[in-house]
Amino acid sequence: YPGMQLVDTVYAGEDQAKSVQLAKDLMAAHSDLKGLIGQCSVSAPGVAQAVTEVNKVGKVFTTGISTPSSMKEYIKSGAQAKTVLWDVTKLGFLTVWAGQQLAEGKSFQPMNDVADVGQVKYDASKKMLVLGPPLVFTKENVDQAPTIMKGVDPANRYWEEQFGMVLVESMAARLPVAGAEPGHLTCERCFHVQ
């Protein structure tokens, strides 16, 4: 996005109240601010809440990764247009498979058949495995989130039983280049459940 200017990066430390305050501080410091990005499950609702509380819905746009249950009111109000999630079970299978491939000195193919995951694309230019299309929740489908997520992966029943929802979205596991530090695998995005 060549026309976009990043004015600041702040860290809320997985604290929604702090996310709200930091977002309000950013809007106060930059009166022409057009958008806020919440990069974790608590900062996304935090920035949407801040925009709502300062009456800037439709003036300051938010985006981020969070659960449909946390974002539902903000999606319905227009404070955030949509949210996305990834399938943690499939991400786990993909991560283990990728680590095994690297440990065995095997190359990734443009399309890879990964057990318990399915077809996974490898983008060699970015050295990235891509775990399918995202599951996107909008005004039109956020009320159906529990039903949508039940059909995604039966292995995710654990998450539904333990936390009242299933975590689903596309995920890209970044992989090391040849000669990189052995065992080095990082994720483009990550989360944790408290």
N, C-alpha and C. Protein backbone atom coordinates (compact mmCIF):
# COMPACT_ATOMS: atom_id res chain seq x y z
N TYR A 1 0.85 -1.19 0.00
CA TYR A 1 0.00 0.00 0.00
C TYR A 1 0.89 1.24 0.00
N PRO A 2 1.32 1.66 -1.17
CA PRO A 2 2.29 2.77 -1.25
C PRO A 2 1.74 4.10 -0.72
N GLY A 3 0.43 4.29 -0.71
CA GLY A 3 -0.14 5.54 -0.22
C GLY A 3 -0.35 5.57 1.28
N MET A 4 -0.07 4.45 1.94
CA MET A 4 -0.30 4.37 3.38
C MET A 4 0.97 4.74 4.14
N GLN A 5 0.82 5.55 5.18
CA GLN A 5 1.95 5.93 6.01
C GLN A 5 1.75 5.35 7.40
N LEU A 6 2.70 4.54 7.86
CA LEU A 6 2.66 3.98 9.21
C LEU A 6 3.19 5.04 10.17
N VAL A 7 2.35 5.47 11.11
CA VAL A 7 2.77 6.56 11.99
C VAL A 7 3.37 6.07 13.31
N ASP A 8 3.01 4.85 13.74
CA ASP A 8 3.55 4.37 15.01
C ASP A 8 3.22 2.90 15.17
N THR A 9 3.99 2.22 16.02
CA THR A 9 3.72 0.85 16.44
C THR A 9 3.77 0.85 17.95
N VAL A 10 2.70 0.36 18.56
CA VAL A 10 2.64 0.30 20.02
C VAL A 10 2.29 -1.12 20.43
N TYR A 11 2.62 -1.48 21.66
CA TYR A 11 2.42 -2.84 22.14
C TYR A 11 1.57 -2.82 23.41
N ALA A 12 0.48 -3.60 23.37
CA ALA A 12 -0.45 -3.65 24.51
C ALA A 12 -0.20 -4.84 25.41
N GLY A 13 0.67 -5.74 25.02
CA GLY A 13 1.01 -6.87 25.88
C GLY A 13 -0.16 -7.79 26.20
N GLU A 14 -0.98 -8.11 25.19
CA GLU A 14 -2.12 -9.01 25.36
C GLU A 14 -3.13 -8.47 26.39
N ASP A 15 -3.28 -7.17 26.45
CA ASP A 15 -4.18 -6.52 27.41
C ASP A 15 -5.18 -5.65 26.65
N GLN A 16 -6.46 -6.04 26.67
CA GLN A 16 -7.46 -5.31 25.89
C GLN A 16 -7.64 -3.88 26.40
N ALA A 17 -7.66 -3.68 27.70
CA ALA A 17 -7.82 -2.33 28.24
C ALA A 17 -6.66 -1.43 27.79
N LYS A 18 -5.46 -1.98 27.79
CA LYS A 18 -4.31 -1.20 27.34
C LYS A 18 -4.41 -0.93 25.83
N SER A 19 -4.94 -1.89 25.07
CA SER A 19 -5.16 -1.69 23.63
C SER A 19 -6.12 -0.53 23.39
N VAL A 20 -7.18 -0.48 24.19
CA VAL A 20 -8.15 0.61 24.06
C VAL A 20 -7.46 1.95 24.31
N GLN A 21 -6.69 2.04 25.40
CA GLN A 21 -6.03 3.30 25.75
C GLN A 21 -4.99 3.70 24.71
N LEU A 22 -4.19 2.75 24.25
CA LEU A 22 -3.17 3.06 23.25
C LEU A 22 -3.81 3.54 21.94
N ALA A 23 -4.92 2.91 21.55
CA ALA A 23 -5.62 3.33 20.33
C ALA A 23 -6.17 4.75 20.49
N LYS A 24 -6.73 5.05 21.65
CA LYS A 24 -7.24 6.40 21.91
C LYS A 24 -6.09 7.41 21.87
N ASP A 25 -4.95 7.04 22.46
CA ASP A 25 -3.78 7.93 22.45
C ASP A 25 -3.30 8.19 21.02
N LEU A 26 -3.29 7.15 20.19
CA LEU A 26 -2.88 7.31 18.80
C LEU A 26 -3.83 8.23 18.04
N MET A 27 -5.14 8.06 18.26
CA MET A 27 -6.11 8.92 17.58
C MET A 27 -5.97 10.37 18.03
N ALA A 28 -5.67 10.58 19.32
CA ALA A 28 -5.49 11.94 19.83
C ALA A 28 -4.21 12.57 19.27
N ALA A 29 -3.16 11.78 19.15
CA ALA A 29 -1.87 12.29 18.66
C ALA A 29 -1.87 12.51 17.15
N HIS A 30 -2.73 11.82 16.43
CA HIS A 30 -2.77 11.90 14.97
C HIS A 30 -4.23 12.13 14.54
N SER A 31 -4.64 13.37 14.52
CA SER A 31 -6.05 13.70 14.26
C SER A 31 -6.53 13.25 12.88
N ASP A 32 -5.61 13.02 11.95
CA ASP A 32 -6.01 12.57 10.61
C ASP A 32 -5.82 11.06 10.42
N LEU A 33 -5.64 10.33 11.51
CA LEU A 33 -5.46 8.88 11.45
C LEU A 33 -6.65 8.22 10.77
N LYS A 34 -6.38 7.32 9.84
CA LYS A 34 -7.44 6.66 9.08
C LYS A 34 -7.66 5.21 9.48
N GLY A 35 -6.68 4.58 10.16
CA GLY A 35 -6.84 3.17 10.47
C GLY A 35 -5.98 2.71 11.62
N LEU A 36 -6.43 1.61 12.24
CA LEU A 36 -5.71 0.96 13.34
C LEU A 36 -5.72 -0.54 13.08
N ILE A 37 -4.61 -1.20 13.35
CA ILE A 37 -4.50 -2.64 13.17
C ILE A 37 -4.27 -3.29 14.53
N GLY A 38 -5.14 -4.20 14.89
CA GLY A 38 -4.99 -4.99 16.13
C GLY A 38 -4.47 -6.36 15.76
N GLN A 39 -3.21 -6.65 16.07
CA GLN A 39 -2.58 -7.88 15.60
C GLN A 39 -2.68 -9.06 16.55
N CYS A 40 -3.59 -9.04 17.50
CA CYS A 40 -3.81 -10.23 18.33
C CYS A 40 -5.26 -10.26 18.79
N SER A 41 -5.63 -11.35 19.42
CA SER A 41 -7.03 -11.57 19.75
C SER A 41 -7.61 -10.57 20.73
N VAL A 42 -6.79 -9.85 21.48
CA VAL A 42 -7.31 -8.83 22.40
C VAL A 42 -7.11 -7.41 21.89
N SER A 43 -6.10 -7.19 21.05
CA SER A 43 -5.91 -5.83 20.54
C SER A 43 -6.90 -5.49 19.44
N ALA A 44 -7.36 -6.46 18.66
CA ALA A 44 -8.36 -6.18 17.62
C ALA A 44 -9.66 -5.65 18.25
N PRO A 45 -10.24 -6.33 19.25
CA PRO A 45 -11.43 -5.74 19.86
C PRO A 45 -11.10 -4.44 20.62
N GLY A 46 -9.88 -4.33 21.13
CA GLY A 46 -9.48 -3.11 21.83
C GLY A 46 -9.49 -1.89 20.93
N VAL A 47 -8.92 -2.02 19.71
CA VAL A 47 -8.91 -0.85 18.82
C VAL A 47 -10.31 -0.54 18.32
N ALA A 48 -11.14 -1.57 18.08
CA ALA A 48 -12.53 -1.34 17.65
C ALA A 48 -13.33 -0.68 18.77
N GLN A 49 -13.08 -1.09 20.01
CA GLN A 49 -13.75 -0.48 21.15
C GLN A 49 -13.35 0.99 21.28
N ALA A 50 -12.08 1.29 21.11
CA ALA A 50 -11.60 2.68 21.21
C ALA A 50 -12.25 3.56 20.15
N VAL A 51 -12.31 3.07 18.92
CA VAL A 51 -12.94 3.83 17.83
C VAL A 51 -14.41 4.08 18.16
N THR A 52 -15.06 3.08 18.73
CA THR A 52 -16.47 3.22 19.12
C THR A 52 -16.63 4.26 20.22
N GLU A 53 -15.79 4.17 21.24
CA GLU A 53 -15.90 5.07 22.40
C GLU A 53 -15.62 6.53 22.06
N VAL A 54 -14.80 6.79 21.07
CA VAL A 54 -14.51 8.19 20.69
C VAL A 54 -15.34 8.63 19.48
N ASN A 55 -16.37 7.83 19.15
CA ASN A 55 -17.31 8.16 18.06
C ASN A 55 -16.63 8.40 16.72
N LYS A 56 -15.70 7.51 16.36
CA LYS A 56 -15.02 7.64 15.07
C LYS A 56 -15.30 6.46 14.15
N VAL A 57 -16.40 5.73 14.39
CA VAL A 57 -16.78 4.64 13.49
C VAL A 57 -17.08 5.25 12.13
N GLY A 58 -16.46 4.69 11.08
CA GLY A 58 -16.64 5.22 9.73
C GLY A 58 -15.63 6.30 9.38
N LYS A 59 -14.87 6.75 10.37
CA LYS A 59 -13.81 7.75 10.13
C LYS A 59 -12.43 7.13 10.33
N VAL A 60 -12.30 6.31 11.36
CA VAL A 60 -11.08 5.56 11.61
C VAL A 60 -11.46 4.09 11.47
N PHE A 61 -10.78 3.39 10.56
CA PHE A 61 -11.11 2.01 10.24
C PHE A 61 -10.17 1.07 10.97
N THR A 62 -10.71 -0.07 11.42
CA THR A 62 -9.90 -1.03 12.16
C THR A 62 -9.87 -2.36 11.44
N THR A 63 -8.82 -3.10 11.68
CA THR A 63 -8.71 -4.46 11.18
C THR A 63 -7.88 -5.24 12.19
N GLY A 64 -7.95 -6.56 12.10
CA GLY A 64 -7.17 -7.37 13.02
C GLY A 64 -7.66 -8.80 13.09
N ILE A 65 -6.97 -9.58 13.88
CA ILE A 65 -7.24 -11.00 14.05
C ILE A 65 -7.83 -11.21 15.44
N SER A 66 -9.01 -11.81 15.48
CA SER A 66 -9.63 -12.11 16.77
C SER A 66 -10.74 -13.12 16.57
N THR A 67 -11.38 -13.49 17.65
CA THR A 67 -12.47 -14.45 17.58
C THR A 67 -13.77 -13.76 17.19
N PRO A 68 -14.67 -14.48 16.52
CA PRO A 68 -15.95 -13.88 16.15
C PRO A 68 -16.73 -13.43 17.39
N SER A 69 -16.64 -14.18 18.47
CA SER A 69 -17.38 -13.79 19.68
C SER A 69 -16.87 -12.48 20.26
N SER A 70 -15.57 -12.24 20.20
CA SER A 70 -15.00 -10.98 20.70
C SER A 70 -15.31 -9.80 19.79
N MET A 71 -15.46 -10.08 18.50
CA MET A 71 -15.61 -9.01 17.51
C MET A 71 -17.05 -8.76 17.06
N LYS A 72 -17.96 -9.64 17.43
CA LYS A 72 -19.32 -9.59 16.92
C LYS A 72 -19.96 -8.21 17.04
N GLU A 73 -19.93 -7.61 18.22
CA GLU A 73 -20.59 -6.30 18.38
C GLU A 73 -19.92 -5.22 17.53
N TYR A 74 -18.62 -5.31 17.35
CA TYR A 74 -17.90 -4.29 16.57
C TYR A 74 -18.11 -4.49 15.07
N ILE A 75 -18.22 -5.74 14.66
CA ILE A 75 -18.53 -6.02 13.25
C ILE A 75 -19.93 -5.52 12.93
N LYS A 76 -20.88 -5.81 13.82
CA LYS A 76 -22.27 -5.39 13.59
C LYS A 76 -22.42 -3.87 13.61
N SER A 77 -21.62 -3.19 14.42
CA SER A 77 -21.73 -1.72 14.51
C SER A 77 -20.98 -1.01 13.38
N GLY A 78 -20.11 -1.75 12.68
CA GLY A 78 -19.30 -1.15 11.63
C GLY A 78 -17.95 -0.64 12.11
N ALA A 79 -17.64 -0.85 13.39
CA ALA A 79 -16.33 -0.43 13.91
C ALA A 79 -15.20 -1.25 13.28
N GLN A 80 -15.51 -2.48 12.87
CA GLN A 80 -14.57 -3.30 12.11
C GLN A 80 -15.40 -4.08 11.09
N ALA A 81 -14.92 -4.16 9.87
CA ALA A 81 -15.69 -4.80 8.80
C ALA A 81 -15.68 -6.32 8.90
N LYS A 82 -14.57 -6.90 9.32
CA LYS A 82 -14.46 -8.35 9.36
C LYS A 82 -13.31 -8.77 10.26
N THR A 83 -13.29 -10.05 10.61
CA THR A 83 -12.17 -10.62 11.34
C THR A 83 -11.90 -11.99 10.76
N VAL A 84 -10.67 -12.46 10.91
CA VAL A 84 -10.27 -13.76 10.36
C VAL A 84 -9.62 -14.60 11.45
N LEU A 85 -9.68 -15.91 11.28
CA LEU A 85 -9.08 -16.86 12.22
C LEU A 85 -8.40 -17.98 11.45
N TRP A 86 -7.55 -18.74 12.13
CA TRP A 86 -6.89 -19.86 11.50
C TRP A 86 -7.22 -21.15 12.25
N ASP A 87 -7.00 -22.28 11.59
CA ASP A 87 -7.28 -23.61 12.15
C ASP A 87 -6.02 -24.08 12.87
N VAL A 88 -6.04 -24.04 14.20
CA VAL A 88 -4.84 -24.35 14.98
C VAL A 88 -4.42 -25.81 14.87
N THR A 89 -5.37 -26.70 14.69
CA THR A 89 -5.02 -28.11 14.54
C THR A 89 -4.24 -28.33 13.26
N LYS A 90 -4.74 -27.80 12.16
CA LYS A 90 -4.04 -27.95 10.88
C LYS A 90 -2.71 -27.21 10.90
N LEU A 91 -2.65 -26.07 11.58
CA LEU A 91 -1.38 -25.36 11.69
C LEU A 91 -0.35 -26.22 12.42
N GLY A 92 -0.78 -26.92 13.46
CA GLY A 92 0.12 -27.81 14.18
C GLY A 92 0.65 -28.93 13.30
N PHE A 93 -0.26 -29.58 12.54
CA PHE A 93 0.17 -30.63 11.62
C PHE A 93 1.14 -30.09 10.58
N LEU A 94 0.83 -28.91 10.03
CA LEU A 94 1.70 -28.32 9.01
C LEU A 94 3.08 -27.98 9.58
N THR A 95 3.13 -27.44 10.77
CA THR A 95 4.40 -27.07 11.39
C THR A 95 5.28 -28.29 11.63
N VAL A 96 4.67 -29.36 12.15
CA VAL A 96 5.45 -30.59 12.39
C VAL A 96 5.93 -31.17 11.06
N TRP A 97 5.04 -31.22 10.06
CA TRP A 97 5.42 -31.74 8.75
C TRP A 97 6.57 -30.92 8.16
N ALA A 98 6.47 -29.60 8.22
CA ALA A 98 7.51 -28.73 7.67
C ALA A 98 8.84 -28.95 8.38
N GLY A 99 8.80 -29.07 9.69
CA GLY A 99 10.02 -29.34 10.46
C GLY A 99 10.66 -30.67 10.07
N GLN A 100 9.80 -31.67 9.87
CA GLN A 100 10.30 -32.99 9.46
C GLN A 100 10.93 -32.91 8.07
N GLN A 101 10.29 -32.20 7.16
CA GLN A 101 10.84 -32.04 5.81
C GLN A 101 12.22 -31.40 5.87
N LEU A 102 12.35 -30.35 6.65
CA LEU A 102 13.63 -29.65 6.77
C LEU A 102 14.69 -30.53 7.42
N ALA A 103 14.30 -31.26 8.48
CA ALA A 103 15.25 -32.14 9.17
C ALA A 103 15.76 -33.23 8.25
N GLU A 104 14.92 -33.68 7.31
CA GLU A 104 15.30 -34.73 6.38
C GLU A 104 15.95 -34.17 5.10
N GLY A 105 16.13 -32.84 5.03
CA GLY A 105 16.77 -32.21 3.88
C GLY A 105 15.91 -32.21 2.62
N LYS A 106 14.61 -32.36 2.77
CA LYS A 106 13.70 -32.39 1.62
C LYS A 106 13.25 -30.99 1.25
N SER A 107 13.03 -30.78 -0.03
CA SER A 107 12.56 -29.48 -0.53
C SER A 107 11.04 -29.45 -0.54
N PHE A 108 10.49 -28.25 -0.44
CA PHE A 108 9.06 -28.07 -0.58
C PHE A 108 8.72 -27.94 -2.06
N GLN A 109 7.60 -28.49 -2.44
CA GLN A 109 7.12 -28.41 -3.81
C GLN A 109 6.15 -27.23 -3.92
N PRO A 110 5.86 -26.76 -5.13
CA PRO A 110 4.88 -25.67 -5.27
C PRO A 110 3.54 -26.03 -4.62
N MET A 111 3.12 -27.31 -4.71
CA MET A 111 1.94 -27.82 -4.00
C MET A 111 2.38 -29.07 -3.24
N ASN A 112 2.00 -29.15 -1.96
CA ASN A 112 2.42 -30.25 -1.10
C ASN A 112 1.20 -30.92 -0.50
N ASP A 113 1.17 -32.25 -0.52
CA ASP A 113 0.09 -33.00 0.10
C ASP A 113 0.52 -33.32 1.53
N VAL A 114 -0.11 -32.66 2.51
CA VAL A 114 0.27 -32.80 3.91
C VAL A 114 -0.82 -33.58 4.63
N ALA A 115 -0.43 -34.71 5.27
CA ALA A 115 -1.38 -35.54 6.00
C ALA A 115 -2.15 -34.72 7.02
N ASP A 116 -3.44 -34.96 7.11
CA ASP A 116 -4.35 -34.30 8.05
C ASP A 116 -4.54 -32.81 7.79
N VAL A 117 -3.99 -32.31 6.68
CA VAL A 117 -4.12 -30.91 6.32
C VAL A 117 -4.71 -30.78 4.92
N GLY A 118 -4.14 -31.52 3.96
CA GLY A 118 -4.55 -31.42 2.57
C GLY A 118 -3.47 -30.75 1.75
N GLN A 119 -3.87 -30.11 0.66
CA GLN A 119 -2.93 -29.45 -0.24
C GLN A 119 -2.46 -28.12 0.35
N VAL A 120 -1.16 -27.93 0.40
CA VAL A 120 -0.56 -26.71 0.94
C VAL A 120 0.38 -26.13 -0.11
N LYS A 121 0.17 -24.86 -0.44
CA LYS A 121 0.99 -24.17 -1.43
C LYS A 121 2.29 -23.68 -0.78
N TYR A 122 3.38 -23.76 -1.53
CA TYR A 122 4.66 -23.20 -1.09
C TYR A 122 5.02 -22.06 -2.04
N ASP A 123 5.22 -20.88 -1.49
CA ASP A 123 5.65 -19.71 -2.26
C ASP A 123 7.15 -19.58 -2.08
N ALA A 124 7.91 -20.07 -3.06
CA ALA A 124 9.37 -20.08 -2.96
C ALA A 124 9.96 -18.68 -2.86
N SER A 125 9.33 -17.68 -3.50
CA SER A 125 9.88 -16.32 -3.47
C SER A 125 9.82 -15.72 -2.06
N LYS A 126 8.86 -16.16 -1.26
CA LYS A 126 8.73 -15.67 0.12
C LYS A 126 9.18 -16.71 1.14
N LYS A 127 9.54 -17.91 0.64
CA LYS A 127 9.90 -19.03 1.51
C LYS A 127 8.78 -19.26 2.54
N MET A 128 7.54 -19.44 2.01
CA MET A 128 6.37 -19.49 2.87
C MET A 128 5.43 -20.61 2.45
N LEU A 129 5.01 -21.43 3.43
CA LEU A 129 3.93 -22.39 3.23
C LEU A 129 2.64 -21.70 3.61
N VAL A 130 1.60 -21.85 2.79
CA VAL A 130 0.34 -21.15 3.04
C VAL A 130 -0.75 -22.18 3.34
N LEU A 131 -1.35 -22.07 4.50
CA LEU A 131 -2.37 -23.01 4.96
C LEU A 131 -3.76 -22.57 4.53
N GLY A 132 -4.05 -22.62 3.25
CA GLY A 132 -5.39 -22.42 2.74
C GLY A 132 -5.97 -21.03 2.91
N PRO A 133 -7.19 -20.86 2.39
CA PRO A 133 -7.86 -19.55 2.46
C PRO A 133 -8.33 -19.25 3.88
N PRO A 134 -8.44 -17.98 4.22
CA PRO A 134 -8.89 -17.63 5.57
C PRO A 134 -10.39 -17.87 5.76
N LEU A 135 -10.78 -18.06 7.00
CA LEU A 135 -12.18 -18.08 7.36
C LEU A 135 -12.49 -16.65 7.81
N VAL A 136 -13.35 -15.97 7.08
CA VAL A 136 -13.62 -14.55 7.30
C VAL A 136 -15.02 -14.38 7.88
N PHE A 137 -15.13 -13.60 8.95
CA PHE A 137 -16.43 -13.30 9.56
C PHE A 137 -16.78 -11.83 9.32
N THR A 138 -17.98 -11.61 8.78
CA THR A 138 -18.49 -10.29 8.43
C THR A 138 -19.87 -10.09 9.05
N LYS A 139 -20.49 -8.93 8.81
CA LYS A 139 -21.85 -8.70 9.28
C LYS A 139 -22.79 -9.79 8.81
N GLU A 140 -22.54 -10.28 7.59
CA GLU A 140 -23.44 -11.26 7.00
C GLU A 140 -23.36 -12.64 7.63
N ASN A 141 -22.23 -13.01 8.24
CA ASN A 141 -22.12 -14.38 8.76
C ASN A 141 -21.65 -14.50 10.21
N VAL A 142 -21.39 -13.40 10.89
CA VAL A 142 -20.84 -13.50 12.24
C VAL A 142 -21.81 -14.20 13.21
N ASP A 143 -23.12 -14.08 12.98
CA ASP A 143 -24.07 -14.77 13.85
C ASP A 143 -24.02 -16.29 13.67
N GLN A 144 -23.56 -16.73 12.51
CA GLN A 144 -23.47 -18.16 12.23
C GLN A 144 -22.10 -18.75 12.55
N ALA A 145 -21.23 -17.99 13.20
CA ALA A 145 -19.86 -18.43 13.47
C ALA A 145 -19.79 -19.81 14.13
N PRO A 146 -20.56 -20.09 15.18
CA PRO A 146 -20.45 -21.43 15.79
C PRO A 146 -20.78 -22.56 14.80
N THR A 147 -21.78 -22.36 13.98
CA THR A 147 -22.15 -23.37 13.00
C THR A 147 -21.08 -23.51 11.92
N ILE A 148 -20.58 -22.39 11.43
CA ILE A 148 -19.54 -22.41 10.40
C ILE A 148 -18.31 -23.15 10.91
N MET A 149 -17.90 -22.86 12.12
CA MET A 149 -16.67 -23.43 12.64
C MET A 149 -16.81 -24.90 13.01
N LYS A 150 -18.01 -25.37 13.35
CA LYS A 150 -18.18 -26.78 13.67
C LYS A 150 -17.87 -27.65 12.48
N GLY A 151 -18.17 -27.18 11.28
CA GLY A 151 -17.94 -27.99 10.09
C GLY A 151 -16.54 -27.93 9.54
N VAL A 152 -15.68 -27.11 10.09
CA VAL A 152 -14.35 -26.93 9.51
C VAL A 152 -13.45 -28.12 9.76
N ASP A 153 -13.34 -28.57 10.99
CA ASP A 153 -12.42 -29.66 11.30
C ASP A 153 -12.86 -30.33 12.59
N PRO A 154 -13.28 -31.60 12.52
CA PRO A 154 -13.73 -32.29 13.73
C PRO A 154 -12.68 -32.32 14.84
N ALA A 155 -11.39 -32.28 14.48
CA ALA A 155 -10.34 -32.29 15.50
C ALA A 155 -10.39 -31.03 16.36
N ASN A 156 -11.03 -29.99 15.85
CA ASN A 156 -11.12 -28.75 16.60
C ASN A 156 -12.18 -28.79 17.71
N ARG A 157 -12.86 -29.91 17.86
CA ARG A 157 -13.88 -30.02 18.92
C ARG A 157 -13.26 -29.73 20.29
N TYR A 158 -11.99 -30.11 20.48
CA TYR A 158 -11.31 -29.83 21.74
C TYR A 158 -11.36 -28.35 22.07
N TRP A 159 -11.03 -27.50 21.08
CA TRP A 159 -11.02 -26.06 21.31
C TRP A 159 -12.43 -25.56 21.61
N GLU A 160 -13.41 -26.12 20.91
CA GLU A 160 -14.79 -25.71 21.13
C GLU A 160 -15.23 -26.06 22.55
N GLU A 161 -14.90 -27.28 22.99
CA GLU A 161 -15.29 -27.71 24.33
C GLU A 161 -14.56 -26.93 25.41
N GLN A 162 -13.27 -26.67 25.21
CA GLN A 162 -12.47 -26.00 26.22
C GLN A 162 -12.70 -24.50 26.28
N PHE A 163 -12.87 -23.86 25.13
CA PHE A 163 -12.89 -22.41 25.08
C PHE A 163 -14.16 -21.83 24.47
N GLY A 164 -15.12 -22.70 24.10
CA GLY A 164 -16.39 -22.21 23.57
C GLY A 164 -16.31 -21.80 22.12
N MET A 165 -15.22 -22.07 21.46
CA MET A 165 -15.09 -21.74 20.03
C MET A 165 -13.93 -22.50 19.41
N VAL A 166 -13.88 -22.45 18.11
CA VAL A 166 -12.80 -23.05 17.36
C VAL A 166 -12.00 -21.92 16.72
N LEU A 167 -10.71 -22.02 16.72
CA LEU A 167 -9.86 -20.99 16.12
C LEU A 167 -9.51 -21.41 14.70
N VAL A 168 -9.93 -20.62 13.71
CA VAL A 168 -9.74 -20.99 12.31
C VAL A 168 -9.33 -19.77 11.49
N GLU A 169 -8.34 -19.88 10.61
CA GLU A 169 -7.95 -18.86 9.63
C GLU A 169 -6.80 -19.38 8.80
N SER A 170 -6.43 -18.69 7.79
CA SER A 170 -5.25 -19.12 7.05
C SER A 170 -4.03 -18.74 7.87
N MET A 171 -2.98 -19.47 7.67
CA MET A 171 -1.75 -19.21 8.41
C MET A 171 -0.59 -19.53 7.52
N ALA A 172 0.42 -18.72 7.55
CA ALA A 172 1.61 -18.99 6.76
C ALA A 172 2.75 -19.27 7.72
N ALA A 173 3.37 -20.43 7.60
CA ALA A 173 4.54 -20.76 8.42
C ALA A 173 5.78 -20.35 7.63
N ARG A 174 6.51 -19.38 8.12
CA ARG A 174 7.73 -18.94 7.43
C ARG A 174 8.84 -19.94 7.72
N LEU A 175 9.54 -20.26 6.69
CA LEU A 175 10.58 -21.28 6.80
C LEU A 175 11.94 -20.69 6.49
N PRO A 176 12.99 -21.28 7.06
CA PRO A 176 14.33 -20.72 6.85
C PRO A 176 14.86 -20.97 5.45
N VAL A 177 15.75 -20.12 5.03
CA VAL A 177 16.43 -20.32 3.75
C VAL A 177 17.54 -21.35 3.97
N ALA A 178 18.02 -21.92 2.89
CA ALA A 178 19.10 -22.91 2.98
C ALA A 178 20.28 -22.30 3.73
N GLY A 179 20.83 -23.05 4.66
CA GLY A 179 21.96 -22.58 5.42
C GLY A 179 21.59 -21.78 6.65
N ALA A 180 20.28 -21.58 6.88
CA ALA A 180 19.85 -20.83 8.07
C ALA A 180 20.06 -21.69 9.31
N GLU A 181 19.91 -21.09 10.45
CA GLU A 181 20.09 -21.78 11.71
C GLU A 181 19.19 -23.02 11.78
N PRO A 182 19.74 -24.21 12.06
CA PRO A 182 18.93 -25.44 12.09
C PRO A 182 17.78 -25.33 13.11
N GLY A 183 16.65 -25.88 12.73
CA GLY A 183 15.51 -25.91 13.64
C GLY A 183 14.78 -24.60 13.76
N HIS A 184 15.12 -23.60 12.96
CA HIS A 184 14.51 -22.29 13.08
C HIS A 184 13.21 -22.24 12.28
N LEU A 185 12.09 -22.23 12.96
CA LEU A 185 10.78 -22.08 12.34
C LEU A 185 10.05 -20.97 13.07
N THR A 186 9.52 -20.02 12.37
CA THR A 186 8.72 -18.99 13.00
C THR A 186 7.41 -18.83 12.25
N CYS A 187 6.43 -18.23 12.89
CA CYS A 187 5.13 -18.03 12.26
C CYS A 187 4.97 -16.56 11.91
N GLU A 188 4.26 -16.32 10.81
CA GLU A 188 3.96 -14.96 10.40
C GLU A 188 3.06 -14.28 11.44
N ARG A 189 2.13 -15.06 11.98
CA ARG A 189 1.25 -14.56 13.04
C ARG A 189 1.17 -15.64 14.09
N CYS A 190 0.95 -15.28 15.34
CA CYS A 190 0.80 -16.29 16.36
C CYS A 190 -0.25 -15.85 17.37
N PHE A 191 -0.65 -16.75 18.24
CA PHE A 191 -1.63 -16.45 19.25
C PHE A 191 -1.33 -17.31 20.46
N HIS A 192 -1.94 -16.99 21.57
CA HIS A 192 -1.93 -17.93 22.68
C HIS A 192 -3.26 -17.83 23.39
N VAL A 193 -3.66 -18.94 24.00
CA VAL A 193 -4.92 -19.00 24.73
C VAL A 193 -4.57 -18.99 26.20
N GLN A 194 -5.14 -18.05 26.96
CA GLN A 194 -4.85 -17.98 28.39
C GLN A 194 -5.90 -18.74 29.18
